[in-house]
Amino acid sequence: MEAKKEWISTKEAAERLSVTTARVRQMVAEKQVTAQKVGGKYRGQWLIKASDIEKRLSKLSKKGVHAMRVKGRMTPNPVVVSPNTSYNEALHLMRNNGIKHLPVLNKKDELVGIVAHADMLEAEPSPVTTLSVYEMASLLEKVTISKIMTSPVYAVEEDCSITNAAKFMIEKEIGCLPVIRNGELVGIITDTDVVKTFVEITGGEQSGTHVELKTPDRKGEIARVCTAFANANSYIVSIAITYSDNSDYAYVDIKERGAIADALQAEIAKLDDIEIVEMRPVNSDELLSF
């Protein structure tokens, strides 16, 4: 049996991931994979660590066709509590597992509620209380989850789309949704999971150029835009469309890589009625701290 290679060529890595060699080189530059430069006659080439490519393939495989469904983004087999679980025990579970939501199951393993970290904080005595730390701990030990949980609880089936799950959270002003399969709890999806999905589908982890266009709201405009980008040798990472109060126009937000700015601007300029609102490097934004 042939031993697995520890290092593979850029071309082989690209073939395994079904991407271009340019994309692999970009991954190397962004340190998404481990690589080493090869000298001699292969000067300027890279060898990629095979295990890093396998990890990326495994991650993609797990998401598969379910990437935009709850089942592909949820946390499976979540930590749970019962209605009789004490406040202190529930808080301990949250802290030890780094979570903010606990589904509540009864003795029949039926979902009967949800408790959030915010609920726990509301149950605590006021900061100006005259009770000692020991008195507060003793008081909270007598509080059970049944007293502070939200019930009935909203939930979704595992085949629910991420878009609808996000919409439900917004409509109900909640931070998570337990996930059900055949009436049984199989996972939980949170607002953080939804945000991570948004960042991924908009290419947030990739470098490139952010382009915002104002286009007429009519059939065929996106096709024209995509053709212009292709003519400028641009690879489109993501496209998002929003609509203004004026229904005659739409705003198209595109993340691309590979195009020379001047060439891309020239191609867009050929399109009638389409205006460049903004064009700048994706990494030009900074996280501020005060």
C-alpha atoms as a PDB file:
ATOM      1  CA  MET A   1       0.000   0.000   0.000  1.00  0.00           C
ATOM      2  CA  GLU A   2       1.359   3.394  -0.985  1.00  0.00           C
ATOM      3  CA  ALA A   3       2.080   5.651   1.980  1.00  0.00           C
ATOM      4  CA  LYS A   4       0.257   8.950   2.097  1.00  0.00           C
ATOM      5  CA  LYS A   5       2.368  11.914   1.064  1.00  0.00           C
ATOM      6  CA  GLU A   6       3.023  14.527   3.739  1.00  0.00           C
ATOM      7  CA  TRP A   7       3.382  17.321   1.172  1.00  0.00           C
ATOM      8  CA  ILE A   8       1.642  17.835  -2.168  1.00  0.00           C
ATOM      9  CA  SER A   9       2.071  20.301  -5.019  1.00  0.00           C
ATOM     10  CA  THR A  10       0.014  23.437  -5.461  1.00  0.00           C
ATOM     11  CA  LYS A  11      -1.609  21.886  -8.520  1.00  0.00           C
ATOM     12  CA  GLU A  12      -2.568  18.721  -6.639  1.00  0.00           C
ATOM     13  CA  ALA A  13      -3.978  20.760  -3.749  1.00  0.00           C
ATOM     14  CA  ALA A  14      -6.052  22.788  -6.215  1.00  0.00           C
ATOM     15  CA  GLU A  15      -7.391  19.626  -7.854  1.00  0.00           C
ATOM     16  CA  ARG A  16      -8.374  18.104  -4.511  1.00  0.00           C
ATOM     17  CA  LEU A  17     -10.204  21.253  -3.438  1.00  0.00           C
ATOM     18  CA  SER A  18     -11.669  21.922  -6.922  1.00  0.00           C
ATOM     19  CA  VAL A  19     -10.241  25.448  -6.956  1.00  0.00           C
ATOM     20  CA  THR A  20      -7.630  27.261  -9.018  1.00  0.00           C
ATOM     21  CA  THR A  21      -3.918  27.220  -8.200  1.00  0.00           C
ATOM     22  CA  ALA A  22      -4.224  30.981  -7.678  1.00  0.00           C
ATOM     23  CA  ARG A  23      -6.739  30.303  -4.913  1.00  0.00           C
ATOM     24  CA  VAL A  24      -4.308  27.856  -3.269  1.00  0.00           C
ATOM     25  CA  ARG A  25      -1.526  30.448  -3.405  1.00  0.00           C
ATOM     26  CA  GLN A  26      -3.902  32.929  -1.811  1.00  0.00           C
ATOM     27  CA  MET A  27      -4.594  30.411   0.972  1.00  0.00           C
ATOM     28  CA  VAL A  28      -0.835  30.125   1.487  1.00  0.00           C
ATOM     29  CA  ALA A  29      -0.447  33.916   1.657  1.00  0.00           C
ATOM     30  CA  GLU A  30      -3.286  34.135   4.188  1.00  0.00           C
ATOM     31  CA  LYS A  31      -1.755  31.246   6.187  1.00  0.00           C
ATOM     32  CA  GLN A  32      -4.897  29.148   5.869  1.00  0.00           C
ATOM     33  CA  VAL A  33      -2.691  26.145   5.027  1.00  0.00           C
ATOM     34  CA  THR A  34       0.855  25.160   5.941  1.00  0.00           C
ATOM     35  CA  ALA A  35       3.286  25.453   3.023  1.00  0.00           C
ATOM     36  CA  GLN A  36       6.993  25.412   2.252  1.00  0.00           C
ATOM     37  CA  LYS A  37       8.788  26.965  -0.675  1.00  0.00           C
ATOM     38  CA  VAL A  38      10.693  24.663  -2.994  1.00  0.00           C
ATOM     39  CA  GLY A  39      14.071  25.696  -4.403  1.00  0.00           C
ATOM     40  CA  GLY A  40      16.160  24.362  -7.274  1.00  0.00           C
ATOM     41  CA  LYS A  41      14.402  23.895 -10.569  1.00  0.00           C
ATOM     42  CA  TYR A  42      11.063  24.336  -8.782  1.00  0.00           C
ATOM     43  CA  ARG A  43      12.091  27.708  -7.442  1.00  0.00           C
ATOM     44  CA  GLY A  44       9.079  29.863  -6.616  1.00  0.00           C
ATOM     45  CA  GLN A  45       6.762  26.866  -6.221  1.00  0.00           C
ATOM     46  CA  TRP A  46       5.055  25.720  -3.036  1.00  0.00           C
ATOM     47  CA  LEU A  47       4.469  22.383  -1.399  1.00  0.00           C
ATOM     48  CA  ILE A  48       1.275  22.212   0.655  1.00  0.00           C
ATOM     49  CA  LYS A  49       0.831  20.081   3.762  1.00  0.00           C
ATOM     50  CA  ALA A  50      -1.517  17.292   2.694  1.00  0.00           C
ATOM     51  CA  SER A  51      -3.184  16.990   6.117  1.00  0.00           C
ATOM     52  CA  ASP A  52      -4.298  20.642   5.932  1.00  0.00           C
ATOM     53  CA  ILE A  53      -6.031  19.973   2.616  1.00  0.00           C
ATOM     54  CA  GLU A  54      -7.686  16.848   4.030  1.00  0.00           C
ATOM     55  CA  LYS A  55      -8.990  18.852   6.995  1.00  0.00           C
ATOM     56  CA  ARG A  56     -10.519  21.431   4.659  1.00  0.00           C
ATOM     57  CA  LEU A  57     -12.085  18.675   2.546  1.00  0.00           C
ATOM     58  CA  SER A  58     -13.513  17.029   5.671  1.00  0.00           C
ATOM     59  CA  LYS A  59     -15.003  20.331   6.795  1.00  0.00           C
ATOM     60  CA  LEU A  60     -16.592  20.903   3.396  1.00  0.00           C
ATOM     61  CA  SER A  61     -17.897  17.337   3.306  1.00  0.00           C
ATOM     62  CA  LYS A  62     -19.587  17.694   6.688  1.00  0.00           C
ATOM     63  CA  LYS A  63     -21.410  20.799   5.505  1.00  0.00           C
ATOM     64  CA  GLY A  64     -22.229  19.243   2.136  1.00  0.00           C
ATOM     65  CA  VAL A  65     -25.640  20.021   0.715  1.00  0.00           C
ATOM     66  CA  HIS A  66     -26.840  21.044   4.177  1.00  0.00           C
ATOM     67  CA  ALA A  67     -24.647  24.158   4.357  1.00  0.00           C
ATOM     68  CA  MET A  68     -27.645  26.476   4.200  1.00  0.00           C
ATOM     69  CA  ARG A  69     -29.900  24.384   6.412  1.00  0.00           C
ATOM     70  CA  VAL A  70     -30.026  24.380  10.171  1.00  0.00           C
ATOM     71  CA  LYS A  71     -28.698  20.808  10.335  1.00  0.00           C
ATOM     72  CA  GLY A  72     -25.438  21.934   8.747  1.00  0.00           C
ATOM     73  CA  ARG A  73     -24.876  24.821  11.167  1.00  0.00           C
ATOM     74  CA  MET A  74     -26.359  23.741  14.491  1.00  0.00           C
ATOM     75  CA  THR A  75     -24.531  22.442  17.549  1.00  0.00           C
ATOM     76  CA  PRO A  76     -25.600  18.793  17.785  1.00  0.00           C
ATOM     77  CA  ASN A  77     -26.360  17.043  21.083  1.00  0.00           C
ATOM     78  CA  PRO A  78     -26.517  20.249  23.131  1.00  0.00           C
ATOM     79  CA  VAL A  79     -26.054  20.405  26.893  1.00  0.00           C
ATOM     80  CA  VAL A  80     -29.499  20.237  28.518  1.00  0.00           C
ATOM     81  CA  VAL A  81     -31.099  20.636  31.937  1.00  0.00           C
ATOM     82  CA  SER A  82     -34.346  19.567  33.566  1.00  0.00           C
ATOM     83  CA  PRO A  83     -36.990  21.794  35.162  1.00  0.00           C
ATOM     84  CA  ASN A  84     -35.668  20.677  38.569  1.00  0.00           C
ATOM     85  CA  THR A  85     -32.051  21.633  37.858  1.00  0.00           C
ATOM     86  CA  SER A  86     -30.844  24.246  40.319  1.00  0.00           C
ATOM     87  CA  TYR A  87     -29.783  27.742  39.328  1.00  0.00           C
ATOM     88  CA  ASN A  88     -26.226  27.131  40.502  1.00  0.00           C
ATOM     89  CA  GLU A  89     -25.898  23.871  38.551  1.00  0.00           C
ATOM     90  CA  ALA A  90     -27.229  25.480  35.362  1.00  0.00           C
ATOM     91  CA  LEU A  91     -24.844  28.419  35.737  1.00  0.00           C
ATOM     92  CA  HIS A  92     -21.979  25.979  36.277  1.00  0.00           C
ATOM     93  CA  LEU A  93     -22.905  24.150  33.043  1.00  0.00           C
ATOM     94  CA  MET A  94     -22.985  27.399  31.092  1.00  0.00           C
ATOM     95  CA  ARG A  95     -19.603  28.540  32.359  1.00  0.00           C
ATOM     96  CA  ASN A  96     -17.859  25.190  31.944  1.00  0.00           C
ATOM     97  CA  ASN A  97     -19.157  24.686  28.397  1.00  0.00           C
ATOM     98  CA  GLY A  98     -18.891  28.299  27.208  1.00  0.00           C
ATOM     99  CA  ILE A  99     -22.577  28.482  26.252  1.00  0.00           C
ATOM    100  CA  LYS A 100     -25.431  30.913  26.861  1.00  0.00           C
ATOM    101  CA  HIS A 101     -28.498  28.750  26.237  1.00  0.00           C
ATOM    102  CA  LEU A 102     -29.748  25.514  27.810  1.00  0.00           C
ATOM    103  CA  PRO A 103     -32.723  23.581  26.413  1.00  0.00           C
ATOM    104  CA  VAL A 104     -34.949  22.172  29.145  1.00  0.00           C
ATOM    105  CA  LEU A 105     -36.185  18.565  28.878  1.00  0.00           C
ATOM    106  CA  ASN A 106     -38.683  16.779  31.130  1.00  0.00           C
ATOM    107  CA  LYS A 107     -38.411  13.170  32.344  1.00  0.00           C
ATOM    108  CA  LYS A 108     -39.730  11.943  28.974  1.00  0.00           C
ATOM    109  CA  ASP A 109     -36.943  13.861  27.159  1.00  0.00           C
ATOM    110  CA  GLU A 110     -39.543  16.236  25.742  1.00  0.00           C
ATOM    111  CA  LEU A 111     -38.562  19.836  25.088  1.00  0.00           C
ATOM    112  CA  VAL A 112     -40.469  21.997  27.580  1.00  0.00           C
ATOM    113  CA  GLY A 113     -38.464  25.217  27.728  1.00  0.00           C
ATOM    114  CA  ILE A 114     -35.260  27.149  27.230  1.00  0.00           C
ATOM    115  CA  VAL A 115     -33.136  29.127  29.671  1.00  0.00           C
ATOM    116  CA  ALA A 116     -30.710  31.824  28.538  1.00  0.00           C
ATOM    117  CA  HIS A 117     -27.833  33.469  30.355  1.00  0.00           C
ATOM    118  CA  ALA A 118     -29.872  36.683  30.404  1.00  0.00           C
ATOM    119  CA  ASP A 119     -32.602  34.818  32.309  1.00  0.00           C
ATOM    120  CA  MET A 120     -30.012  33.741  34.870  1.00  0.00           C
ATOM    121  CA  LEU A 121     -28.847  37.303  35.375  1.00  0.00           C
ATOM    122  CA  GLU A 122     -32.416  38.517  35.906  1.00  0.00           C
ATOM    123  CA  ALA A 123     -32.902  35.908  38.618  1.00  0.00           C
ATOM    124  CA  GLU A 124     -29.935  37.189  40.623  1.00  0.00           C
ATOM    125  CA  PRO A 125     -30.492  39.605  43.520  1.00  0.00           C
ATOM    126  CA  SER A 126     -29.972  43.295  42.818  1.00  0.00           C
ATOM    127  CA  PRO A 127     -26.350  44.522  42.955  1.00  0.00           C
ATOM    128  CA  VAL A 128     -27.363  46.833  45.818  1.00  0.00           C
ATOM    129  CA  THR A 129     -28.748  43.984  47.924  1.00  0.00           C
ATOM    130  CA  THR A 130     -27.697  43.772  51.567  1.00  0.00           C
ATOM    131  CA  LEU A 131     -27.381  39.984  51.343  1.00  0.00           C
ATOM    132  CA  SER A 132     -23.903  38.509  51.763  1.00  0.00           C
ATOM    133  CA  VAL A 133     -22.285  36.381  49.063  1.00  0.00           C
ATOM    134  CA  TYR A 134     -23.058  33.241  51.071  1.00  0.00           C
ATOM    135  CA  GLU A 135     -26.678  34.242  51.565  1.00  0.00           C
ATOM    136  CA  MET A 136     -27.100  34.895  47.845  1.00  0.00           C
ATOM    137  CA  ALA A 137     -25.545  31.533  46.953  1.00  0.00           C
ATOM    138  CA  SER A 138     -27.844  29.775  49.393  1.00  0.00           C
ATOM    139  CA  LEU A 139     -30.869  31.623  48.028  1.00  0.00           C
ATOM    140  CA  LEU A 140     -30.039  30.814  44.403  1.00  0.00           C
ATOM    141  CA  GLU A 141     -29.459  27.150  45.229  1.00  0.00           C
ATOM    142  CA  LYS A 142     -33.174  26.922  46.040  1.00  0.00           C
ATOM    143  CA  VAL A 143     -34.159  28.419  42.674  1.00  0.00           C
ATOM    144  CA  THR A 144     -34.926  25.820  39.999  1.00  0.00           C
ATOM    145  CA  ILE A 145     -34.882  26.256  36.236  1.00  0.00           C
ATOM    146  CA  SER A 146     -38.659  25.779  36.103  1.00  0.00           C
ATOM    147  CA  LYS A 147     -38.970  29.188  37.779  1.00  0.00           C
ATOM    148  CA  ILE A 148     -36.905  31.122  35.255  1.00  0.00           C
ATOM    149  CA  MET A 149     -37.110  29.197  31.948  1.00  0.00           C
ATOM    150  CA  THR A 150     -39.083  30.427  28.940  1.00  0.00           C
ATOM    151  CA  SER A 151     -42.003  28.121  28.176  1.00  0.00           C
ATOM    152  CA  PRO A 152     -43.492  27.323  25.730  1.00  0.00           C
ATOM    153  CA  VAL A 153     -40.365  27.469  23.591  1.00  0.00           C
ATOM    154  CA  TYR A 154     -39.933  28.174  19.871  1.00  0.00           C
ATOM    155  CA  ALA A 155     -38.036  25.532  17.861  1.00  0.00           C
ATOM    156  CA  VAL A 156     -37.368  24.506  14.257  1.00  0.00           C
ATOM    157  CA  GLU A 157     -36.958  21.272  12.316  1.00  0.00           C
ATOM    158  CA  GLU A 158     -33.410  20.395  11.248  1.00  0.00           C
ATOM    159  CA  ASP A 159     -34.251  20.912   7.565  1.00  0.00           C
ATOM    160  CA  CYS A 160     -35.275  24.526   8.181  1.00  0.00           C
ATOM    161  CA  SER A 161     -33.280  26.984   6.078  1.00  0.00           C
ATOM    162  CA  ILE A 162     -30.776  29.277   7.782  1.00  0.00           C
ATOM    163  CA  THR A 163     -32.610  32.251   6.279  1.00  0.00           C
ATOM    164  CA  ASN A 164     -35.923  31.291   7.879  1.00  0.00           C
ATOM    165  CA  ALA A 165     -34.261  30.454  11.186  1.00  0.00           C
ATOM    166  CA  ALA A 166     -32.733  33.946  11.223  1.00  0.00           C
ATOM    167  CA  LYS A 167     -36.104  35.474  10.322  1.00  0.00           C
ATOM    168  CA  PHE A 168     -37.817  33.595  13.173  1.00  0.00           C
ATOM    169  CA  MET A 169     -35.203  34.799  15.665  1.00  0.00           C
ATOM    170  CA  ILE A 170     -35.703  38.402  14.561  1.00  0.00           C
ATOM    171  CA  GLU A 171     -39.511  38.159  14.635  1.00  0.00           C
ATOM    172  CA  LYS A 172     -39.591  36.564  18.089  1.00  0.00           C
ATOM    173  CA  GLU A 173     -36.633  38.563  19.440  1.00  0.00           C
ATOM    174  CA  ILE A 174     -34.796  35.454  20.628  1.00  0.00           C
ATOM    175  CA  GLY A 175     -31.150  34.426  20.501  1.00  0.00           C
ATOM    176  CA  CYS A 176     -31.460  30.724  19.713  1.00  0.00           C
ATOM    177  CA  LEU A 177     -33.712  27.956  18.438  1.00  0.00           C
ATOM    178  CA  PRO A 178     -33.691  24.332  19.627  1.00  0.00           C
ATOM    179  CA  VAL A 179     -33.586  21.943  16.660  1.00  0.00           C
ATOM    180  CA  ILE A 180     -36.028  19.036  16.402  1.00  0.00           C
ATOM    181  CA  ARG A 181     -36.029  15.774  14.441  1.00  0.00           C
ATOM    182  CA  ASN A 182     -39.124  13.566  14.674  1.00  0.00           C
ATOM    183  CA  GLY A 183     -40.176  15.371  17.815  1.00  0.00           C
ATOM    184  CA  GLU A 184     -36.827  14.907  19.590  1.00  0.00           C
ATOM    185  CA  LEU A 185     -34.179  17.505  20.406  1.00  0.00           C
ATOM    186  CA  VAL A 186     -31.084  16.982  18.221  1.00  0.00           C
ATOM    187  CA  GLY A 187     -29.337  20.352  18.356  1.00  0.00           C
ATOM    188  CA  ILE A 188     -29.451  24.070  18.919  1.00  0.00           C
ATOM    189  CA  ILE A 189     -28.707  26.984  16.585  1.00  0.00           C
ATOM    190  CA  THR A 190     -27.835  30.416  17.934  1.00  0.00           C
ATOM    191  CA  ASP A 191     -27.624  33.935  16.575  1.00  0.00           C
ATOM    192  CA  THR A 192     -23.828  33.517  16.575  1.00  0.00           C
ATOM    193  CA  ASP A 193     -24.149  30.502  14.247  1.00  0.00           C
ATOM    194  CA  VAL A 194     -26.280  32.611  11.898  1.00  0.00           C
ATOM    195  CA  VAL A 195     -23.747  35.454  11.873  1.00  0.00           C
ATOM    196  CA  LYS A 196     -20.911  32.990  11.154  1.00  0.00           C
ATOM    197  CA  THR A 197     -22.922  31.655   8.208  1.00  0.00           C
ATOM    198  CA  PHE A 198     -23.467  35.187   6.899  1.00  0.00           C
ATOM    199  CA  VAL A 199     -19.734  35.935   7.105  1.00  0.00           C
ATOM    200  CA  GLU A 200     -18.926  32.716   5.252  1.00  0.00           C
ATOM    201  CA  ILE A 201     -21.419  33.098   2.405  1.00  0.00           C
ATOM    202  CA  THR A 202     -20.334  36.705   1.844  1.00  0.00           C
ATOM    203  CA  GLY A 203     -16.695  35.613   1.615  1.00  0.00           C
ATOM    204  CA  GLY A 204     -15.736  37.346   4.840  1.00  0.00           C
ATOM    205  CA  GLU A 205     -12.663  35.165   5.354  1.00  0.00           C
ATOM    206  CA  GLN A 206     -11.248  35.892   1.896  1.00  0.00           C
ATOM    207  CA  SER A 207      -9.221  38.859   0.733  1.00  0.00           C
ATOM    208  CA  GLY A 208     -10.090  40.848  -2.354  1.00  0.00           C
ATOM    209  CA  THR A 209     -12.026  43.943  -3.358  1.00  0.00           C
ATOM    210  CA  HIS A 210     -15.423  45.132  -2.199  1.00  0.00           C
ATOM    211  CA  VAL A 211     -17.508  46.738  -4.945  1.00  0.00           C
ATOM    212  CA  GLU A 212     -20.911  48.342  -4.433  1.00  0.00           C
ATOM    213  CA  LEU A 213     -22.989  49.183  -7.493  1.00  0.00           C
ATOM    214  CA  LYS A 214     -26.262  51.032  -8.021  1.00  0.00           C
ATOM    215  CA  THR A 215     -28.202  49.286 -10.760  1.00  0.00           C
ATOM    216  CA  PRO A 216     -31.635  49.608 -12.345  1.00  0.00           C
ATOM    217  CA  ASP A 217     -34.067  47.146 -10.785  1.00  0.00           C
ATOM    218  CA  ARG A 218     -34.883  45.215 -13.917  1.00  0.00           C
ATOM    219  CA  LYS A 219     -34.387  41.770 -15.375  1.00  0.00           C
ATOM    220  CA  GLY A 220     -30.943  40.907 -16.719  1.00  0.00           C
ATOM    221  CA  GLU A 221     -28.906  43.522 -14.849  1.00  0.00           C
ATOM    222  CA  ILE A 222     -27.019  41.015 -12.685  1.00  0.00           C
ATOM    223  CA  ALA A 223     -26.058  39.048 -15.791  1.00  0.00           C
ATOM    224  CA  ARG A 224     -24.612  42.225 -17.332  1.00  0.00           C
ATOM    225  CA  VAL A 225     -22.662  42.951 -14.161  1.00  0.00           C
ATOM    226  CA  CYS A 226     -21.250  39.407 -13.965  1.00  0.00           C
ATOM    227  CA  THR A 227     -20.163  39.571 -17.609  1.00  0.00           C
ATOM    228  CA  ALA A 228     -18.344  42.842 -16.962  1.00  0.00           C
ATOM    229  CA  PHE A 229     -16.505  41.333 -13.998  1.00  0.00           C
ATOM    230  CA  ALA A 230     -15.554  38.257 -16.052  1.00  0.00           C
ATOM    231  CA  ASN A 231     -14.205  40.497 -18.829  1.00  0.00           C
ATOM    232  CA  ALA A 232     -11.960  42.133 -16.232  1.00  0.00           C
ATOM    233  CA  ASN A 233     -10.607  38.705 -15.228  1.00  0.00           C
ATOM    234  CA  SER A 234     -12.430  38.944 -11.913  1.00  0.00           C
ATOM    235  CA  TYR A 235     -13.476  35.991  -9.756  1.00  0.00           C
ATOM    236  CA  ILE A 236     -16.709  36.814  -7.913  1.00  0.00           C
ATOM    237  CA  VAL A 237     -16.648  35.514  -4.348  1.00  0.00           C
ATOM    238  CA  SER A 238     -20.113  36.672  -3.309  1.00  0.00           C
ATOM    239  CA  ILE A 239     -23.050  38.818  -4.395  1.00  0.00           C
ATOM    240  CA  ALA A 240     -25.693  40.419  -2.184  1.00  0.00           C
ATOM    241  CA  ILE A 241     -28.582  42.592  -3.367  1.00  0.00           C
ATOM    242  CA  THR A 242     -30.556  45.139  -1.381  1.00  0.00           C
ATOM    243  CA  TYR A 243     -33.344  47.438  -2.501  1.00  0.00           C
ATOM    244  CA  SER A 244     -33.860  51.107  -1.764  1.00  0.00           C
ATOM    245  CA  ASP A 245     -37.141  52.846  -0.999  1.00  0.00           C
ATOM    246  CA  ASN A 246     -37.034  53.872  -4.628  1.00  0.00           C
ATOM    247  CA  SER A 247     -38.090  50.632  -6.312  1.00  0.00           C
ATOM    248  CA  ASP A 248     -36.434  51.692  -9.573  1.00  0.00           C
ATOM    249  CA  TYR A 249     -32.934  50.871  -8.264  1.00  0.00           C
ATOM    250  CA  ALA A 250     -31.113  48.093  -6.445  1.00  0.00           C
ATOM    251  CA  TYR A 251     -27.734  48.059  -4.704  1.00  0.00           C
ATOM    252  CA  VAL A 252     -25.453  45.167  -5.593  1.00  0.00           C
ATOM    253  CA  ASP A 253     -22.686  44.396  -3.109  1.00  0.00           C
ATOM    254  CA  ILE A 254     -19.941  42.246  -4.660  1.00  0.00           C
ATOM    255  CA  LYS A 255     -16.761  40.782  -3.243  1.00  0.00           C
ATOM    256  CA  GLU A 256     -14.263  39.871  -5.949  1.00  0.00           C
ATOM    257  CA  ARG A 257     -10.637  38.938  -6.338  1.00  0.00           C
ATOM    258  CA  GLY A 258      -8.215  38.827  -9.246  1.00  0.00           C
ATOM    259  CA  ALA A 259      -9.192  41.935 -11.199  1.00  0.00           C
ATOM    260  CA  ILE A 260      -7.030  44.998 -11.703  1.00  0.00           C
ATOM    261  CA  ALA A 261      -9.009  47.954 -10.361  1.00  0.00           C
ATOM    262  CA  ASP A 262      -8.611  50.140 -13.451  1.00  0.00           C
ATOM    263  CA  ALA A 263      -9.657  47.306 -15.766  1.00  0.00           C
ATOM    264  CA  LEU A 264     -12.707  46.513 -13.670  1.00  0.00           C
ATOM    265  CA  GLN A 265     -13.754  50.161 -13.516  1.00  0.00           C
ATOM    266  CA  ALA A 266     -13.385  50.411 -17.290  1.00  0.00           C
ATOM    267  CA  GLU A 267     -15.630  47.386 -17.866  1.00  0.00           C
ATOM    268  CA  ILE A 268     -18.288  48.668 -15.462  1.00  0.00           C
ATOM    269  CA  ALA A 269     -18.175  52.084 -17.139  1.00  0.00           C
ATOM    270  CA  LYS A 270     -19.372  50.403 -20.351  1.00  0.00           C
ATOM    271  CA  LEU A 271     -22.649  49.467 -18.655  1.00  0.00           C
ATOM    272  CA  ASP A 272     -25.412  52.024 -19.113  1.00  0.00           C
ATOM    273  CA  ASP A 273     -27.256  53.180 -15.986  1.00  0.00           C
ATOM    274  CA  ILE A 274     -24.909  51.353 -13.582  1.00  0.00           C
ATOM    275  CA  GLU A 275     -22.994  53.455 -11.078  1.00  0.00           C
ATOM    276  CA  ILE A 276     -20.034  52.505  -8.877  1.00  0.00           C
ATOM    277  CA  VAL A 277     -20.938  53.593  -5.343  1.00  0.00           C
ATOM    278  CA  GLU A 278     -17.777  52.287  -3.711  1.00  0.00           C
ATOM    279  CA  MET A 279     -14.707  50.210  -4.533  1.00  0.00           C
ATOM    280  CA  ARG A 280     -12.100  49.419  -1.903  1.00  0.00           C
ATOM    281  CA  PRO A 281      -9.956  46.568  -0.538  1.00  0.00           C
ATOM    282  CA  VAL A 282     -11.886  44.183   1.699  1.00  0.00           C
ATOM    283  CA  ASN A 283      -9.313  44.448   4.486  1.00  0.00           C
ATOM    284  CA  SER A 284      -9.499  48.256   4.621  1.00  0.00           C
ATOM    285  CA  ASP A 285     -11.947  48.161   7.542  1.00  0.00           C
ATOM    286  CA  GLU A 286     -10.520  48.174  11.058  1.00  0.00           C
ATOM    287  CA  LEU A 287     -11.905  47.032  14.385  1.00  0.00           C
ATOM    288  CA  LEU A 288     -11.964  50.031  16.731  1.00  0.00           C
ATOM    289  CA  SER A 289     -11.565  49.942  20.488  1.00  0.00           C
ATOM    290  CA  PHE A 290     -12.402  52.733  22.937  1.00  0.00           C
END
